[in-house]
Amino acid sequence: MKKIAIIFSAILLSVVIVGLYSCAKKDTTTQYKTSGKVINSTWRPVANADVKLTKSGESTPKYTTKTNSSGEYNFNNVDNGSYDMVISAPGYNSTSKYFVADKDVSNEDQTLLGDANITGSVLDSQTGYGLANATVGFNRDPSQTTNDNAELLVITDESGNFNISEGPTGGFTGLIEAEGYFTRKVEDVGFVDGDNDLDPQTLVQQPNEGEMRIILTWGEVPYDLDSHLSGPSPTGRFHVYYSDPTYGDTVNLDVDDVSSYGPETITISSFVNGMYRYSIHNYSEQSITGGEEIYQSPAIVEVYDYTSLIKSYTAPPFTGNGNTWRVFELNFSGTSYSIV
């Protein structure tokens, strides 16, 4: 009987030891979930950022993943222990965080910062002044047509200015939006380390049905380009420009800019049959070589109806004498027109 009791006690002790060993082994291999989100200085998600977990004391990452389009990352099977998390993305400085995986963790947002400081302004085509509350977005994907997925996003202040501090470097496409205005796409925008002061951009207010709007913009030099529009009148031809800015209630020089960049804006409210001619004169340089500055500026003319941009012109190379660029002629007949 004593022998049986001793054997039973030994078996029971073995079971307890095995159980304790199993529990201890299970604790050391417990795995946890770790998740979070990566944003930038404009509070926008950073997609495709690399997120790496390296166990403390080791040099090779044990777990790696990338953020999704919403900037989110997830690790589902992280072994118990302490880790260094390193987050990096093109154009940004990498950032690191120490954490202990001893439970499921949803980390606070991690912010990636860059070395580019970006400033710019948005102008109203109808006033020439800054446009408040315009949305300015920058995306690395040039095919984007809205700011829904913009990597950088900012709103202009009451003076039409915007500023992005500690943004990423690299190549971007800009989109500028505001209610009642045509969206402007700005291609090949490059951000480098340090200050990036962008040229002013003009948003064009949508004209009414039946109207046409002509917008002239250019660079810092020359400081003053002038728009000239002539067209049919009962007594011959009218001529709208800075000295005579209106023709009845049908044609108006909305903005006459004299301090670089533009815009200069002419709105045609209604047409009569005949030929309209639009030209640009370099008021800043009235010599026979003034046309060269129009080309070098470079001057750009855009023509809009109430639906969209219908024509765009870039100043051609200067090949002769003069300080004028004859941009286009519009022939109107009945209810239709052609632009040449």
Protein backbone atom coordinates (compact mmCIF):
# COMPACT_ATOMS: atom_id res chain seq x y z
CA MET A 1 0.00 0.00 0.00
CA LYS A 2 2.89 2.34 0.87
CA LYS A 3 4.49 1.54 -2.47
CA ILE A 4 1.31 2.44 -4.36
CA ALA A 5 1.04 5.75 -2.49
CA ILE A 6 4.65 6.63 -3.30
CA ILE A 7 4.13 5.82 -7.00
CA PHE A 8 0.92 7.92 -7.10
CA SER A 9 2.68 10.86 -5.45
CA ALA A 10 5.53 10.67 -7.96
CA ILE A 11 3.09 10.65 -10.88
CA LEU A 12 1.17 13.61 -9.44
CA LEU A 13 4.39 15.56 -8.94
CA SER A 14 5.42 14.88 -12.55
CA VAL A 15 2.08 16.17 -13.82
CA VAL A 16 2.44 19.36 -11.77
CA ILE A 17 6.00 19.94 -13.00
CA VAL A 18 5.00 19.40 -16.64
CA GLY A 19 2.05 21.74 -16.20
CA LEU A 20 4.19 24.45 -14.66
CA TYR A 21 6.78 24.07 -17.44
CA SER A 22 4.09 24.30 -20.10
CA CYS A 23 2.65 27.45 -18.55
CA ALA A 24 6.07 29.04 -18.31
CA LYS A 25 6.83 28.17 -21.93
CA LYS A 26 3.49 29.57 -23.07
CA ASP A 27 4.17 32.90 -21.35
CA THR A 28 7.50 33.36 -23.16
CA THR A 29 5.96 32.79 -26.59
CA THR A 30 2.81 34.88 -26.19
CA GLN A 31 2.23 37.13 -29.21
CA TYR A 32 0.50 40.49 -29.37
CA LYS A 33 -0.96 42.92 -31.86
CA THR A 34 0.64 46.31 -32.48
CA SER A 35 -0.95 48.98 -34.67
CA GLY A 36 -0.78 52.71 -35.33
CA LYS A 37 -0.83 55.48 -37.90
CA VAL A 38 1.84 57.62 -39.56
CA ILE A 39 1.11 61.27 -40.41
CA ASN A 40 3.08 64.33 -41.54
CA SER A 41 3.18 67.96 -40.41
CA THR A 42 -0.10 68.74 -42.21
CA TRP A 43 -1.82 65.88 -40.33
CA ARG A 44 -2.15 63.88 -43.53
CA PRO A 45 -1.48 60.11 -43.65
CA VAL A 46 1.85 58.96 -45.04
CA ALA A 47 1.26 55.95 -47.30
CA ASN A 48 3.89 53.28 -48.07
CA ALA A 49 6.08 54.23 -45.12
CA ASP A 50 8.38 51.46 -43.91
CA VAL A 51 7.74 50.33 -40.32
CA LYS A 52 10.36 48.01 -38.80
CA LEU A 53 10.50 46.34 -35.37
CA THR A 54 13.91 45.33 -34.05
CA LYS A 55 14.20 43.44 -30.78
CA SER A 56 16.25 45.28 -28.16
CA GLY A 57 19.91 44.27 -28.33
CA GLU A 58 19.63 43.01 -31.92
CA SER A 59 20.51 44.74 -35.20
CA THR A 60 18.27 43.00 -37.73
CA PRO A 61 14.55 43.90 -37.88
CA LYS A 62 12.36 41.01 -36.79
CA TYR A 63 9.12 42.40 -38.24
CA THR A 64 8.56 44.74 -41.20
CA THR A 65 5.50 46.17 -42.89
CA LYS A 66 4.31 49.22 -44.86
CA THR A 67 1.56 51.70 -44.11
CA ASN A 68 -1.60 51.52 -46.20
CA SER A 69 -3.22 54.41 -48.08
CA SER A 70 -4.61 55.69 -44.77
CA GLY A 71 -1.15 55.71 -43.16
CA GLU A 72 -2.02 52.75 -40.92
CA TYR A 73 0.21 49.82 -40.01
CA ASN A 74 -0.56 46.52 -38.25
CA PHE A 75 1.56 43.75 -36.73
CA ASN A 76 -0.55 40.77 -35.64
CA ASN A 77 2.01 38.33 -34.18
CA VAL A 78 4.68 40.19 -32.21
CA ASP A 79 6.54 38.08 -29.65
CA ASN A 80 6.62 39.25 -26.05
CA GLY A 81 9.59 41.58 -25.48
CA SER A 82 11.00 45.08 -25.93
CA TYR A 83 11.50 46.60 -29.37
CA ASP A 84 12.75 49.63 -31.27
CA MET A 85 10.26 50.75 -33.92
CA VAL A 86 11.78 52.71 -36.83
CA ILE A 87 9.53 54.49 -39.36
CA SER A 88 10.85 55.94 -42.62
CA ALA A 89 9.54 57.22 -45.96
CA PRO A 90 11.09 58.96 -49.00
CA GLY A 91 11.61 62.67 -48.42
CA TYR A 92 11.17 62.45 -44.63
CA ASN A 93 13.55 62.05 -41.71
CA SER A 94 13.14 58.68 -40.02
CA THR A 95 11.75 58.49 -36.50
CA SER A 96 12.05 55.81 -33.80
CA LYS A 97 10.08 54.68 -30.77
CA TYR A 98 10.84 52.21 -27.96
CA PHE A 99 8.01 50.03 -26.76
CA VAL A 100 7.36 46.79 -24.87
CA ALA A 101 5.14 44.13 -26.39
CA ASP A 102 3.41 42.68 -23.34
CA LYS A 103 -0.15 43.36 -24.47
CA ASP A 104 -2.07 44.41 -27.57
CA VAL A 105 -1.09 48.03 -28.29
CA SER A 106 -2.65 50.75 -30.42
CA ASN A 107 0.11 53.36 -30.62
CA GLU A 108 -0.49 57.09 -30.80
CA ASP A 109 0.03 58.71 -34.22
CA GLN A 110 3.67 58.87 -35.27
CA THR A 111 4.69 62.05 -37.15
CA LEU A 112 7.27 62.02 -39.92
CA LEU A 113 8.93 65.39 -40.53
CA GLY A 114 10.99 66.61 -43.47
CA ASP A 115 13.40 69.47 -44.07
CA ALA A 116 11.34 71.49 -46.58
CA ASN A 117 9.58 74.70 -45.56
CA ILE A 118 7.02 75.67 -48.20
CA THR A 119 5.28 79.01 -48.70
CA GLY A 120 2.99 80.30 -51.44
CA SER A 121 -0.15 82.24 -52.24
CA VAL A 122 -3.38 81.86 -54.22
CA LEU A 123 -4.87 84.82 -56.11
CA ASP A 124 -8.44 85.53 -57.21
CA SER A 125 -8.75 86.06 -60.97
CA GLN A 126 -11.43 88.73 -60.47
CA THR A 127 -9.62 90.90 -57.92
CA GLY A 128 -5.93 90.07 -58.17
CA TYR A 129 -5.89 89.80 -54.38
CA GLY A 130 -5.30 86.75 -52.21
CA LEU A 131 -8.08 84.15 -52.10
CA ALA A 132 -8.96 82.96 -48.59
CA ASN A 133 -10.00 79.38 -47.75
CA ALA A 134 -8.63 77.81 -50.92
CA THR A 135 -7.50 74.20 -50.51
CA VAL A 136 -3.91 73.54 -51.60
CA GLY A 137 -2.80 69.92 -51.93
CA PHE A 138 0.39 68.23 -53.09
CA ASN A 139 0.63 64.63 -54.27
CA ARG A 140 3.43 62.51 -55.69
CA ASP A 141 0.96 60.89 -58.10
CA PRO A 142 0.41 63.30 -61.05
CA SER A 143 -2.74 61.45 -62.15
CA GLN A 144 -4.75 62.64 -59.12
CA THR A 145 -7.59 65.03 -60.02
CA THR A 146 -8.79 65.88 -56.49
CA ASN A 147 -7.17 66.44 -53.12
CA ASP A 148 -8.90 63.45 -51.53
CA ASN A 149 -5.59 61.55 -51.34
CA ALA A 150 -3.20 64.50 -51.15
CA GLU A 151 -0.04 63.81 -49.17
CA LEU A 152 0.14 67.45 -48.06
CA LEU A 153 -2.95 69.58 -47.51
CA VAL A 154 -3.33 73.15 -46.29
CA ILE A 155 -5.92 75.97 -46.40
CA THR A 156 -5.03 79.53 -47.40
CA ASP A 157 -5.40 82.23 -44.76
CA GLU A 158 -7.45 85.43 -45.08
CA SER A 159 -4.72 86.93 -47.30
CA GLY A 160 -4.54 83.90 -49.58
CA ASN A 161 -1.20 82.73 -48.20
CA PHE A 162 -0.23 79.22 -47.09
CA ASN A 163 2.70 77.72 -45.24
CA ILE A 164 3.89 74.16 -44.66
CA SER A 165 6.65 73.65 -42.10
CA GLU A 166 8.88 70.55 -42.00
CA GLY A 167 7.38 69.07 -45.14
CA PRO A 168 8.97 66.33 -47.25
CA THR A 169 11.40 66.84 -50.11
CA GLY A 170 10.81 65.45 -53.58
CA GLY A 171 8.70 65.97 -56.69
CA PHE A 172 4.99 66.73 -56.41
CA THR A 173 1.95 67.85 -58.37
CA GLY A 174 -0.14 70.60 -56.83
CA LEU A 175 -3.93 70.93 -56.94
CA ILE A 176 -5.67 74.12 -55.81
CA GLU A 177 -9.43 74.09 -55.22
CA ALA A 178 -12.11 76.53 -54.08
CA GLU A 179 -15.88 76.58 -54.45
CA GLY A 180 -16.97 78.52 -57.53
CA TYR A 181 -13.50 78.35 -59.12
CA PHE A 182 -11.85 76.05 -61.64
CA THR A 183 -9.34 73.66 -60.06
CA ARG A 184 -5.76 74.54 -60.95
CA LYS A 185 -3.18 71.82 -61.49
CA VAL A 186 0.46 72.80 -60.97
CA GLU A 187 2.86 70.23 -62.38
CA ASP A 188 6.50 69.47 -61.56
CA VAL A 189 6.67 71.14 -58.17
CA GLY A 190 9.97 70.30 -56.47
CA PHE A 191 10.64 70.69 -52.75
CA VAL A 192 14.23 70.78 -51.47
CA ASP A 193 15.84 71.17 -48.05
CA GLY A 194 15.30 74.65 -46.67
CA ASP A 195 12.94 77.36 -47.87
CA ASN A 196 10.73 76.80 -50.93
CA ASP A 197 8.93 80.00 -51.97
CA LEU A 198 6.45 79.13 -54.72
CA ASP A 199 5.20 81.56 -57.36
CA PRO A 200 1.66 82.88 -56.83
CA GLN A 201 -1.07 80.79 -58.46
CA THR A 202 -4.33 82.22 -59.83
CA LEU A 203 -7.68 80.49 -59.38
CA VAL A 204 -10.15 81.42 -62.10
CA GLN A 205 -13.67 82.22 -61.02
CA GLN A 206 -16.20 80.37 -63.16
CA PRO A 207 -17.92 82.78 -65.59
CA ASN A 208 -21.66 82.73 -66.18
CA GLU A 209 -23.16 80.80 -69.08
CA GLY A 210 -22.52 82.65 -72.33
CA GLU A 211 -19.51 84.53 -70.92
CA MET A 212 -15.82 84.10 -71.68
CA ARG A 213 -12.87 84.88 -69.41
CA ILE A 214 -9.29 85.54 -70.56
CA ILE A 215 -6.50 85.20 -67.97
CA LEU A 216 -2.90 86.35 -68.41
CA THR A 217 -0.19 85.26 -65.95
CA TRP A 218 3.59 85.47 -66.14
CA GLY A 219 6.74 85.48 -64.02
CA GLU A 220 8.57 88.00 -61.89
CA VAL A 221 10.06 89.73 -64.95
CA PRO A 222 8.77 91.85 -66.61
CA TYR A 223 6.80 93.54 -63.86
CA ASP A 224 4.01 94.85 -66.12
CA LEU A 225 2.39 93.09 -69.07
CA ASP A 226 -0.87 94.50 -70.42
CA SER A 227 -3.88 92.78 -71.97
CA HIS A 228 -5.50 94.34 -75.04
CA LEU A 229 -8.80 93.19 -76.55
CA SER A 230 -10.33 94.73 -79.66
CA GLY A 231 -13.60 93.77 -81.30
CA PRO A 232 -16.54 94.87 -83.46
CA SER A 233 -18.61 97.91 -82.54
CA PRO A 234 -21.32 99.90 -84.37
CA THR A 235 -18.77 102.61 -85.19
CA GLY A 236 -15.87 100.35 -86.13
CA ARG A 237 -13.89 98.57 -83.40
CA PHE A 238 -13.61 98.94 -79.63
CA HIS A 239 -10.30 98.64 -77.76
CA VAL A 240 -10.27 97.56 -74.09
CA TYR A 241 -7.01 97.97 -72.15
CA TYR A 242 -5.69 99.71 -69.01
CA SER A 243 -6.59 103.24 -70.20
CA ASP A 244 -10.06 102.25 -71.39
CA PRO A 245 -11.04 99.24 -69.24
CA THR A 246 -14.68 98.78 -70.27
CA TYR A 247 -16.77 98.59 -73.40
CA GLY A 248 -20.40 99.16 -72.48
CA ASP A 249 -21.60 96.35 -70.27
CA THR A 250 -20.22 93.59 -72.51
CA VAL A 251 -16.43 93.70 -72.03
CA ASN A 252 -14.49 94.50 -68.86
CA LEU A 253 -10.84 94.57 -67.84
CA ASP A 254 -11.38 93.11 -64.36
CA VAL A 255 -7.76 93.24 -63.19
CA ASP A 256 -4.80 95.31 -64.42
CA ASP A 257 -1.69 94.00 -62.68
CA VAL A 258 1.46 96.16 -62.57
CA SER A 259 3.64 94.23 -60.10
CA SER A 260 4.65 90.90 -61.74
CA TYR A 261 2.98 87.50 -62.04
CA GLY A 262 -0.55 88.73 -62.87
CA PRO A 263 -3.32 87.99 -63.21
CA GLU A 264 -4.65 90.30 -65.87
CA THR A 265 -8.28 89.37 -66.47
CA ILE A 266 -10.75 90.31 -69.21
CA THR A 267 -14.37 89.09 -69.14
CA ILE A 268 -16.58 89.15 -72.24
CA SER A 269 -20.21 89.04 -71.09
CA SER A 270 -21.79 88.81 -74.55
CA PHE A 271 -20.74 88.69 -78.19
CA VAL A 272 -21.81 90.22 -81.48
CA ASN A 273 -20.89 88.90 -84.90
CA GLY A 274 -17.35 89.71 -85.94
CA MET A 275 -13.69 89.23 -85.11
CA TYR A 276 -12.16 89.75 -81.64
CA ARG A 277 -8.40 90.06 -81.24
CA TYR A 278 -6.44 89.55 -78.01
CA SER A 279 -2.84 90.75 -77.67
CA ILE A 280 -0.22 91.36 -74.98
CA HIS A 281 1.99 94.42 -74.72
CA ASN A 282 5.16 94.64 -72.63
CA TYR A 283 4.57 97.93 -70.84
CA SER A 284 7.75 97.51 -68.78
CA GLU A 285 10.02 97.37 -71.82
CA GLN A 286 8.72 99.39 -74.74
CA SER A 287 11.81 98.99 -76.91
CA ILE A 288 11.93 96.82 -80.02
CA THR A 289 13.30 93.93 -77.92
CA GLY A 290 10.48 93.94 -75.36
CA GLY A 291 8.94 90.84 -76.93
CA GLU A 292 11.88 88.75 -75.72
CA GLU A 293 10.87 89.35 -72.10
CA ILE A 294 7.31 88.19 -72.85
CA TYR A 295 8.71 84.87 -74.03
CA GLN A 296 11.25 84.52 -71.21
CA SER A 297 8.78 85.37 -68.43
CA PRO A 298 7.07 83.03 -69.56
CA ALA A 299 3.66 84.52 -70.33
CA ILE A 300 0.66 82.16 -70.35
CA VAL A 301 -2.84 83.00 -71.61
CA GLU A 302 -5.86 80.88 -70.69
CA VAL A 303 -9.36 81.14 -72.15
CA TYR A 304 -12.37 79.83 -70.18
CA ASP A 305 -16.05 79.49 -70.88
CA TYR A 306 -18.56 78.67 -68.14
CA THR A 307 -17.69 74.95 -68.25
CA SER A 308 -13.91 74.71 -68.43
CA LEU A 309 -10.58 75.82 -69.85
CA ILE A 310 -11.00 75.84 -73.65
CA LYS A 311 -7.65 77.23 -74.85
CA SER A 312 -4.19 77.77 -73.40
CA TYR A 313 -1.27 79.61 -75.00
CA THR A 314 2.38 79.89 -74.02
CA ALA A 315 4.45 82.71 -75.48
CA PRO A 316 6.42 81.51 -78.52
CA PRO A 317 10.14 82.20 -79.01
CA PHE A 318 10.83 85.80 -79.95
CA THR A 319 12.03 85.97 -83.57
CA GLY A 320 11.86 89.64 -84.56
CA ASN A 321 11.47 93.18 -83.37
CA GLY A 322 8.68 94.54 -81.21
CA ASN A 323 7.19 94.33 -77.75
CA THR A 324 3.78 92.80 -78.52
CA TRP A 325 2.46 89.23 -78.70
CA ARG A 326 -0.69 88.79 -80.79
CA VAL A 327 -2.15 85.76 -79.03
CA PHE A 328 -5.37 84.82 -80.82
CA GLU A 329 -8.34 85.92 -82.90
CA LEU A 330 -11.88 84.81 -82.16
CA ASN A 331 -14.48 84.83 -84.92
CA PHE A 332 -18.07 84.91 -83.68
CA SER A 333 -21.10 84.18 -85.88
CA GLY A 334 -24.65 83.52 -84.73
CA THR A 335 -24.24 81.35 -81.66
CA SER A 336 -20.87 79.77 -82.44
CA TYR A 337 -17.25 80.86 -82.55
CA SER A 338 -13.81 79.69 -83.62
CA ILE A 339 -10.46 80.65 -82.10
CA VAL A 340 -7.33 80.83 -84.22
